[in-house]
C-alpha atoms as a PDB file:
ATOM      1  CA  MET A   1      21.875  51.097 111.990  1.00  0.00           C
ATOM      2  CA  ASN A   2      22.351  52.786 108.599  1.00  0.00           C
ATOM      3  CA  VAL A   3      25.406  52.415 106.403  1.00  0.00           C
ATOM      4  CA  ASP A   4      26.912  55.310 104.481  1.00  0.00           C
ATOM      5  CA  VAL A   5      27.553  53.893 100.993  1.00  0.00           C
ATOM      6  CA  LEU A   6      28.665  57.199  99.502  1.00  0.00           C
ATOM      7  CA  ASN A   7      31.448  58.138 101.889  1.00  0.00           C
ATOM      8  CA  CYS A   8      33.606  55.171 102.753  1.00  0.00           C
ATOM      9  CA  GLU A   9      37.231  54.172 103.100  1.00  0.00           C
ATOM     10  CA  LEU A  10      38.927  52.558 100.078  1.00  0.00           C
ATOM     11  CA  ILE A  11      41.077  49.503 100.810  1.00  0.00           C
ATOM     12  CA  TRP A  12      43.332  47.845  98.228  1.00  0.00           C
ATOM     13  CA  VAL A  13      43.901  44.076  98.543  1.00  0.00           C
ATOM     14  CA  ASN A  14      45.978  42.219  95.945  1.00  0.00           C
ATOM     15  CA  GLY A  15      45.263  44.805  93.275  1.00  0.00           C
ATOM     16  CA  SER A  16      41.499  44.930  93.966  1.00  0.00           C
ATOM     17  CA  CYS A  17      39.755  47.946  95.459  1.00  0.00           C
ATOM     18  CA  TYR A  18      37.166  47.444  98.212  1.00  0.00           C
ATOM     19  CA  ARG A  19      34.910  49.921 100.000  1.00  0.00           C
ATOM     20  CA  LYS A  20      34.825  49.675 103.793  1.00  0.00           C
ATOM     21  CA  LEU A  21      31.335  50.753 104.800  1.00  0.00           C
ATOM     22  CA  THR A  22      30.963  52.729 108.009  1.00  0.00           C
ATOM     23  CA  PRO A  23      27.756  53.032 110.073  1.00  0.00           C
ATOM     24  CA  ILE A  24      26.072  56.427 110.246  1.00  0.00           C
ATOM     25  CA  ASN A  25      23.158  57.854 112.181  1.00  0.00           C
ATOM     26  CA  GLN A  26      21.831  60.196 109.539  1.00  0.00           C
ATOM     27  CA  PHE A  27      22.487  60.740 105.841  1.00  0.00           C
ATOM     28  CA  SER A  28      24.465  63.899 105.244  1.00  0.00           C
ATOM     29  CA  PRO A  29      24.781  64.956 101.592  1.00  0.00           C
ATOM     30  CA  SER A  30      27.749  67.183 102.311  1.00  0.00           C
ATOM     31  CA  GLN A  31      29.725  64.230 103.644  1.00  0.00           C
ATOM     32  CA  ASN A  32      28.704  61.684 101.037  1.00  0.00           C
ATOM     33  CA  VAL A  33      30.627  62.482  97.886  1.00  0.00           C
ATOM     34  CA  ASP A  34      32.582  60.045  95.769  1.00  0.00           C
ATOM     35  CA  THR A  35      33.937  61.070  92.387  1.00  0.00           C
ATOM     36  CA  ALA A  36      34.458  57.532  91.115  1.00  0.00           C
ATOM     37  CA  ASP A  37      32.997  56.504  87.779  1.00  0.00           C
ATOM     38  CA  ARG A  38      32.447  60.049  86.557  1.00  0.00           C
ATOM     39  CA  CYS A  39      31.280  59.735  83.002  1.00  0.00           C
ATOM     40  CA  HIS A  40      28.459  62.228  82.898  1.00  0.00           C
ATOM     41  CA  GLU A  41      28.000  65.252  80.707  1.00  0.00           C
ATOM     42  CA  ALA A  42      28.775  68.606  82.318  1.00  0.00           C
ATOM     43  CA  VAL A  43      27.125  71.816  81.177  1.00  0.00           C
ATOM     44  CA  TYR A  44      28.627  74.536  83.301  1.00  0.00           C
ATOM     45  CA  ASP A  45      29.381  78.153  82.483  1.00  0.00           C
ATOM     46  CA  VAL A  46      33.081  78.316  83.430  1.00  0.00           C
ATOM     47  CA  GLY A  47      36.302  79.187  81.714  1.00  0.00           C
ATOM     48  CA  ALA A  48      38.122  76.736  79.461  1.00  0.00           C
ATOM     49  CA  ASP A  49      40.982  76.443  81.940  1.00  0.00           C
ATOM     50  CA  ALA A  50      38.791  75.693  84.935  1.00  0.00           C
ATOM     51  CA  VAL A  51      39.928  72.814  87.159  1.00  0.00           C
ATOM     52  CA  THR A  52      37.648  71.117  89.640  1.00  0.00           C
ATOM     53  CA  SER A  53      38.772  70.916  93.248  1.00  0.00           C
ATOM     54  CA  TYR A  54      38.061  67.195  93.575  1.00  0.00           C
ATOM     55  CA  ASP A  55      40.059  65.720  90.665  1.00  0.00           C
ATOM     56  CA  ASP A  56      42.455  64.135  93.163  1.00  0.00           C
ATOM     57  CA  GLU A  57      39.769  62.262  95.127  1.00  0.00           C
ATOM     58  CA  PRO A  58      40.403  58.495  95.567  1.00  0.00           C
ATOM     59  CA  THR A  59      38.643  56.208  93.116  1.00  0.00           C
ATOM     60  CA  CYS A  60      38.465  52.495  92.364  1.00  0.00           C
ATOM     61  CA  LEU A  61      38.301  53.164  88.638  1.00  0.00           C
ATOM     62  CA  ALA A  62      40.931  54.201  86.155  1.00  0.00           C
ATOM     63  CA  PRO A  63      40.541  57.806  84.906  1.00  0.00           C
ATOM     64  CA  THR A  64      39.208  56.740  81.498  1.00  0.00           C
ATOM     65  CA  THR A  65      36.539  59.446  81.227  1.00  0.00           C
ATOM     66  CA  THR A  66      36.565  63.204  81.627  1.00  0.00           C
ATOM     67  CA  THR A  67      33.926  65.877  82.016  1.00  0.00           C
ATOM     68  CA  ARG A  68      33.044  67.488  78.698  1.00  0.00           C
ATOM     69  CA  LEU A  69      32.565  71.253  78.652  1.00  0.00           C
ATOM     70  CA  LEU A  70      29.835  72.427  76.270  1.00  0.00           C
ATOM     71  CA  SER A  71      29.339  75.872  74.804  1.00  0.00           C
ATOM     72  CA  ASN A  72      27.473  78.547  76.733  1.00  0.00           C
ATOM     73  CA  ASN A  73      24.519  78.313  74.340  1.00  0.00           C
ATOM     74  CA  ASP A  74      23.745  74.710  75.267  1.00  0.00           C
ATOM     75  CA  SER A  75      20.762  74.030  77.494  1.00  0.00           C
ATOM     76  CA  SER A  76      18.351  71.165  78.082  1.00  0.00           C
ATOM     77  CA  ASN A  77      14.622  71.024  78.866  1.00  0.00           C
ATOM     78  CA  GLY A  78      14.468  74.752  79.503  1.00  0.00           C
ATOM     79  CA  ARG A  79      16.890  74.606  82.411  1.00  0.00           C
ATOM     80  CA  PRO A  80      19.150  77.617  82.988  1.00  0.00           C
ATOM     81  CA  LYS A  81      22.721  77.583  81.769  1.00  0.00           C
ATOM     82  CA  GLY A  82      25.277  76.315  84.210  1.00  0.00           C
ATOM     83  CA  PHE A  83      24.336  72.868  85.436  1.00  0.00           C
ATOM     84  CA  PHE A  84      25.698  69.327  85.507  1.00  0.00           C
ATOM     85  CA  ARG A  85      23.757  66.495  83.956  1.00  0.00           C
ATOM     86  CA  ARG A  86      24.103  62.720  84.133  1.00  0.00           C
ATOM     87  CA  THR A  87      21.957  59.862  82.872  1.00  0.00           C
ATOM     88  CA  HIS A  88      21.537  56.453  84.482  1.00  0.00           C
ATOM     89  CA  TYR A  89      19.539  53.518  83.135  1.00  0.00           C
ATOM     90  CA  VAL A  90      17.170  51.831  85.580  1.00  0.00           C
ATOM     91  CA  PRO A  91      14.860  48.931  84.591  1.00  0.00           C
ATOM     92  CA  GLN A  92      11.171  49.808  84.662  1.00  0.00           C
ATOM     93  CA  LYS A  93      10.590  47.174  87.342  1.00  0.00           C
ATOM     94  CA  PHE A  94      12.575  49.273  89.833  1.00  0.00           C
ATOM     95  CA  ILE A  95      11.170  52.703  88.936  1.00  0.00           C
ATOM     96  CA  PRO A  96       8.063  52.585  91.200  1.00  0.00           C
ATOM     97  CA  ARG A  97      10.081  51.447  94.217  1.00  0.00           C
ATOM     98  CA  LEU A  98      12.768  54.026  93.468  1.00  0.00           C
ATOM     99  CA  CYS A  99      10.185  56.823  93.317  1.00  0.00           C
ATOM    100  CA  GLY A 100       8.316  55.680  96.409  1.00  0.00           C
ATOM    101  CA  LYS A 101       4.695  56.245  97.353  1.00  0.00           C
ATOM    102  CA  LYS A 102       3.520  59.546  95.850  1.00  0.00           C
ATOM    103  CA  HIS A 103       7.168  60.083  94.785  1.00  0.00           C
ATOM    104  CA  ALA A 104       8.187  60.563  98.416  1.00  0.00           C
ATOM    105  CA  ARG A 105      11.495  58.738  97.965  1.00  0.00           C
ATOM    106  CA  ARG A 106      12.412  60.760  94.876  1.00  0.00           C
ATOM    107  CA  ILE A 107      11.562  64.033  96.606  1.00  0.00           C
ATOM    108  CA  GLN A 108      13.685  63.031  99.605  1.00  0.00           C
ATOM    109  CA  MET A 109      16.666  62.178  97.379  1.00  0.00           C
ATOM    110  CA  GLU A 110      16.327  65.475  95.531  1.00  0.00           C
ATOM    111  CA  SER A 111      16.232  67.341  98.840  1.00  0.00           C
ATOM    112  CA  ASP A 112      19.210  65.455 100.278  1.00  0.00           C
ATOM    113  CA  THR A 113      21.413  65.891  97.203  1.00  0.00           C
ATOM    114  CA  ASN A 114      20.153  69.268  95.946  1.00  0.00           C
ATOM    115  CA  THR A 115      19.402  67.840  92.488  1.00  0.00           C
ATOM    116  CA  GLN A 116      16.501  67.330  90.122  1.00  0.00           C
ATOM    117  CA  ILE A 117      15.785  63.676  89.228  1.00  0.00           C
ATOM    118  CA  THR A 118      13.586  62.952  86.209  1.00  0.00           C
ATOM    119  CA  PHE A 119      12.219  59.436  85.774  1.00  0.00           C
ATOM    120  CA  PRO A 120      11.059  58.099  82.385  1.00  0.00           C
ATOM    121  CA  PRO A 121       7.361  57.382  81.740  1.00  0.00           C
ATOM    122  CA  PRO A 122       5.993  53.831  82.085  1.00  0.00           C
ATOM    123  CA  ASP A 123       6.942  51.311  79.371  1.00  0.00           C
ATOM    124  CA  SER A 124       9.865  53.509  78.340  1.00  0.00           C
ATOM    125  CA  THR A 125      13.504  52.490  77.960  1.00  0.00           C
ATOM    126  CA  GLU A 126      14.846  55.997  78.492  1.00  0.00           C
ATOM    127  CA  ASP A 127      17.389  56.822  81.193  1.00  0.00           C
ATOM    128  CA  VAL A 128      16.873  58.504  84.520  1.00  0.00           C
ATOM    129  CA  ILE A 129      18.187  62.077  84.245  1.00  0.00           C
ATOM    130  CA  ILE A 130      19.977  63.736  87.160  1.00  0.00           C
ATOM    131  CA  THR A 131      20.740  67.463  87.042  1.00  0.00           C
ATOM    132  CA  GLY A 132      22.305  69.750  89.621  1.00  0.00           C
ATOM    133  CA  GLN A 133      24.257  72.945  90.079  1.00  0.00           C
ATOM    134  CA  THR A 134      27.458  71.137  91.087  1.00  0.00           C
ATOM    135  CA  GLU A 135      29.159  67.943  89.967  1.00  0.00           C
ATOM    136  CA  GLU A 136      29.364  66.940  93.627  1.00  0.00           C
ATOM    137  CA  ASP A 137      25.564  66.988  93.977  1.00  0.00           C
ATOM    138  CA  VAL A 138      24.998  65.024  90.764  1.00  0.00           C
ATOM    139  CA  GLU A 139      27.525  62.348  91.767  1.00  0.00           C
ATOM    140  CA  SER A 140      25.965  62.056  95.215  1.00  0.00           C
ATOM    141  CA  ALA A 141      22.509  61.488  93.706  1.00  0.00           C
ATOM    142  CA  HIS A 142      23.843  59.036  91.120  1.00  0.00           C
ATOM    143  CA  LEU A 143      25.681  56.936  93.688  1.00  0.00           C
ATOM    144  CA  ARG A 144      22.650  56.890  95.941  1.00  0.00           C
ATOM    145  CA  ILE A 145      20.395  55.679  93.113  1.00  0.00           C
ATOM    146  CA  SER A 146      23.002  53.080  92.120  1.00  0.00           C
ATOM    147  CA  ALA A 147      23.171  51.752  95.681  1.00  0.00           C
ATOM    148  CA  ILE A 148      19.381  51.472  95.957  1.00  0.00           C
ATOM    149  CA  VAL A 149      19.054  49.723  92.582  1.00  0.00           C
ATOM    150  CA  ARG A 150      21.922  47.368  93.421  1.00  0.00           C
ATOM    151  CA  GLY A 151      20.187  46.412  96.662  1.00  0.00           C
ATOM    152  CA  MET A 152      16.886  45.723  94.881  1.00  0.00           C
ATOM    153  CA  ARG A 153      18.642  43.715  92.174  1.00  0.00           C
ATOM    154  CA  GLN A 154      20.206  41.433  94.781  1.00  0.00           C
ATOM    155  CA  HIS A 155      16.710  40.302  95.804  1.00  0.00           C
ATOM    156  CA  GLU A 156      15.757  39.311  92.255  1.00  0.00           C
ATOM    157  CA  HIS A 157      16.084  35.786  90.921  1.00  0.00           C
ATOM    158  CA  PHE A 158      18.835  35.154  88.382  1.00  0.00           C
ATOM    159  CA  THR A 159      17.534  35.322  84.821  1.00  0.00           C
ATOM    160  CA  HIS A 160      20.617  34.520  82.718  1.00  0.00           C
ATOM    161  CA  PHE A 161      24.036  32.950  83.067  1.00  0.00           C
ATOM    162  CA  VAL A 162      27.343  33.075  81.210  1.00  0.00           C
ATOM    163  CA  CYS A 163      29.015  29.744  80.541  1.00  0.00           C
ATOM    164  CA  PHE A 164      31.609  27.810  78.585  1.00  0.00           C
ATOM    165  CA  PRO A 165      30.034  24.958  76.582  1.00  0.00           C
ATOM    166  CA  LEU A 166      31.672  21.607  77.372  1.00  0.00           C
ATOM    167  CA  ASN A 167      29.749  19.429  74.943  1.00  0.00           C
ATOM    168  CA  ASN A 168      32.754  18.138  73.010  1.00  0.00           C
ATOM    169  CA  PRO A 169      32.825  14.412  72.089  1.00  0.00           C
ATOM    170  CA  LYS A 170      35.748  13.462  74.346  1.00  0.00           C
ATOM    171  CA  LEU A 171      34.185  14.992  77.441  1.00  0.00           C
ATOM    172  CA  ALA A 172      30.794  13.520  76.550  1.00  0.00           C
ATOM    173  CA  ASN A 173      32.302  10.022  76.459  1.00  0.00           C
ATOM    174  CA  THR A 174      33.953  10.618  79.836  1.00  0.00           C
ATOM    175  CA  LEU A 175      30.614  11.702  81.270  1.00  0.00           C
ATOM    176  CA  GLU A 176      28.960   8.517  80.006  1.00  0.00           C
ATOM    177  CA  GLU A 177      31.702   6.431  81.635  1.00  0.00           C
ATOM    178  CA  PHE A 178      31.228   8.306  84.914  1.00  0.00           C
ATOM    179  CA  LYS A 179      27.482   7.726  84.732  1.00  0.00           C
ATOM    180  CA  GLU A 180      27.943   3.971  84.236  1.00  0.00           C
ATOM    181  CA  ILE A 181      30.389   3.735  87.147  1.00  0.00           C
ATOM    182  CA  VAL A 182      27.999   5.552  89.493  1.00  0.00           C
ATOM    183  CA  GLU A 183      25.010   3.440  88.475  1.00  0.00           C
ATOM    184  CA  LYS A 184      26.942   0.208  89.066  1.00  0.00           C
ATOM    185  CA  SER A 185      28.770   1.119  92.270  1.00  0.00           C
ATOM    186  CA  CYS A 186      26.465   3.546  94.087  1.00  0.00           C
ATOM    187  CA  MET A 187      23.630   2.060  96.137  1.00  0.00           C
ATOM    188  CA  ALA A 188      22.119   5.395  97.220  1.00  0.00           C
ATOM    189  CA  ARG A 189      18.344   5.530  97.437  1.00  0.00           C
ATOM    190  CA  GLY A 190      16.594   7.551  94.755  1.00  0.00           C
ATOM    191  CA  LEU A 191      19.428   7.373  92.234  1.00  0.00           C
ATOM    192  CA  ASP A 192      17.879   7.861  88.827  1.00  0.00           C
ATOM    193  CA  GLU A 193      19.153   8.477  85.328  1.00  0.00           C
ATOM    194  CA  SER A 194      17.350  11.818  85.242  1.00  0.00           C
ATOM    195  CA  LEU A 195      19.730  13.141  87.914  1.00  0.00           C
ATOM    196  CA  PHE A 196      22.612  13.196  85.454  1.00  0.00           C
ATOM    197  CA  VAL A 197      23.072  16.214  83.235  1.00  0.00           C
ATOM    198  CA  SER A 198      22.598  15.680  79.525  1.00  0.00           C
ATOM    199  CA  LYS A 199      25.885  15.533  77.647  1.00  0.00           C
ATOM    200  CA  GLN A 200      24.466  18.009  75.113  1.00  0.00           C
ATOM    201  CA  LYS A 201      23.883  20.545  77.917  1.00  0.00           C
ATOM    202  CA  LEU A 202      27.178  20.104  79.747  1.00  0.00           C
ATOM    203  CA  HIS A 203      28.693  23.502  80.514  1.00  0.00           C
ATOM    204  CA  LEU A 204      30.815  25.458  82.983  1.00  0.00           C
ATOM    205  CA  THR A 205      28.994  28.429  84.504  1.00  0.00           C
ATOM    206  CA  ILE A 206      31.232  31.456  85.064  1.00  0.00           C
ATOM    207  CA  GLY A 207      28.672  34.096  85.993  1.00  0.00           C
ATOM    208  CA  MET A 208      25.037  34.603  86.988  1.00  0.00           C
ATOM    209  CA  LEU A 209      23.130  37.667  85.799  1.00  0.00           C
ATOM    210  CA  VAL A 210      19.914  39.527  86.557  1.00  0.00           C
ATOM    211  CA  LEU A 211      18.728  41.056  83.277  1.00  0.00           C
ATOM    212  CA  LEU A 212      15.222  42.461  83.646  1.00  0.00           C
ATOM    213  CA  ASP A 213      14.386  43.752  80.179  1.00  0.00           C
ATOM    214  CA  ALA A 214      15.424  43.685  76.533  1.00  0.00           C
ATOM    215  CA  LYS A 215      17.678  46.722  76.927  1.00  0.00           C
ATOM    216  CA  GLU A 216      19.709  45.110  79.710  1.00  0.00           C
ATOM    217  CA  CYS A 217      20.010  41.942  77.614  1.00  0.00           C
ATOM    218  CA  SER A 218      21.265  44.041  74.707  1.00  0.00           C
ATOM    219  CA  MET A 219      23.757  45.844  76.964  1.00  0.00           C
ATOM    220  CA  ALA A 220      25.079  42.531  78.305  1.00  0.00           C
ATOM    221  CA  GLN A 221      25.366  41.156  74.788  1.00  0.00           C
ATOM    222  CA  GLY A 222      27.328  44.237  73.773  1.00  0.00           C
ATOM    223  CA  VAL A 223      29.783  43.722  76.644  1.00  0.00           C
ATOM    224  CA  LEU A 224      30.350  40.103  75.607  1.00  0.00           C
ATOM    225  CA  GLU A 225      30.838  41.124  71.979  1.00  0.00           C
ATOM    226  CA  ASP A 226      33.406  43.714  73.050  1.00  0.00           C
ATOM    227  CA  CYS A 227      35.321  40.975  74.888  1.00  0.00           C
ATOM    228  CA  LYS A 228      35.906  38.926  71.745  1.00  0.00           C
ATOM    229  CA  ASP A 229      38.981  40.765  70.521  1.00  0.00           C
ATOM    230  CA  LEU A 230      40.436  40.974  74.039  1.00  0.00           C
ATOM    231  CA  VAL A 231      40.033  37.234  74.647  1.00  0.00           C
ATOM    232  CA  LYS A 232      41.490  36.337  71.256  1.00  0.00           C
ATOM    233  CA  LYS A 233      44.479  38.566  71.957  1.00  0.00           C
ATOM    234  CA  ILE A 234      45.089  36.929  75.343  1.00  0.00           C
ATOM    235  CA  LEU A 235      44.749  33.368  74.031  1.00  0.00           C
ATOM    236  CA  GLU A 236      46.781  34.071  70.870  1.00  0.00           C
ATOM    237  CA  ASP A 237      44.742  31.464  68.954  1.00  0.00           C
ATOM    238  CA  GLU A 238      45.768  28.766  71.427  1.00  0.00           C
ATOM    239  CA  PRO A 239      43.246  26.518  73.218  1.00  0.00           C
ATOM    240  CA  LEU A 240      42.490  27.248  76.858  1.00  0.00           C
ATOM    241  CA  MET A 241      43.258  24.351  79.185  1.00  0.00           C
ATOM    242  CA  VAL A 242      40.809  24.119  82.100  1.00  0.00           C
ATOM    243  CA  ARG A 243      40.974  21.505  84.866  1.00  0.00           C
ATOM    244  CA  VAL A 244      37.565  20.765  86.339  1.00  0.00           C
ATOM    245  CA  HIS A 245      37.558  18.728  89.540  1.00  0.00           C
ATOM    246  CA  GLY A 246      35.335  18.098  92.525  1.00  0.00           C
ATOM    247  CA  LEU A 247      31.693  17.117  92.549  1.00  0.00           C
ATOM    248  CA  GLU A 248      28.722  18.993  93.963  1.00  0.00           C
ATOM    249  CA  ILE A 249      24.972  18.570  93.758  1.00  0.00           C
ATOM    250  CA  MET A 250      23.302  21.752  92.561  1.00  0.00           C
ATOM    251  CA  ASN A 251      20.610  23.201  94.860  1.00  0.00           C
ATOM    252  CA  ASP A 252      21.272  20.519  97.496  1.00  0.00           C
END
C-alpha cells in the first residue's frame, strides 16, 4: 500500500503541526499539491498585481517567504520566459538512487509532475534544479524529492551529534564518587572501569544528525551559529539549570 506524502491532512496538537498520511492506490500529480515551505524563485510572465489562487492553502510553516517576480527579460539555461524555478540541495550519495537506473526514476518524476529536473554532475556541490510552467508543478516535484531523500536519509547511520558539554569540575567529582560507589557495591559480572564514561567526555546529547558531506556540515554549522544570538537573548546572560536523572546503558 502506497502513502500519499504530498496531499495529506494537517493536524495541530499542542501548537505543533502534524501530517496525517493517507493510503493511495496510485500517485496523482493533480491531487498532490502542498504549498508549504515555498521559498523558490518564480520567473513568470504575469502582471505585477497577479495573485496566485493557492495563497490560502494550509501550511505548517509561517509565511516568511514570498515568490519573487523577475523582469520579463530574465531567463535561465535557454528556457522560454514564463516558468517557475526552485533549487534543492541533495548530497551526492543520494543522486544515483534519486535518478534511478538509466534515469528512469527522474523521468517518471518529471512525467508525473510535469517539470524538468536537472541533477548536478558527479563530485559537484551544486543544487538540483526544478523548473515547471506552474508553481503547483514545481512544488509537487520538490516535495516528492524531499520525501524520497528523507526516506533514504533515515536508513543512514548517524554521523554527528549536538550536545551540551558537562565536563565541569563539580560534575566530574560527582561522577568519580558515583563510580566508586558502583565499584564497591555492585557485584555484577563483567563490571570494568572501561564501562564508565571519561569525565573529560561527559556530555548531554540533544540531537543526532546525518551529515553526508562538507556542504551539509557547513549548513549545520551555520544554523548553530545563527542560534547564538537567540539563545543568549532567551537566557539573558543567566546560567541554564538542567536536572539530569535516571540511568541507562547505551546500546544495551
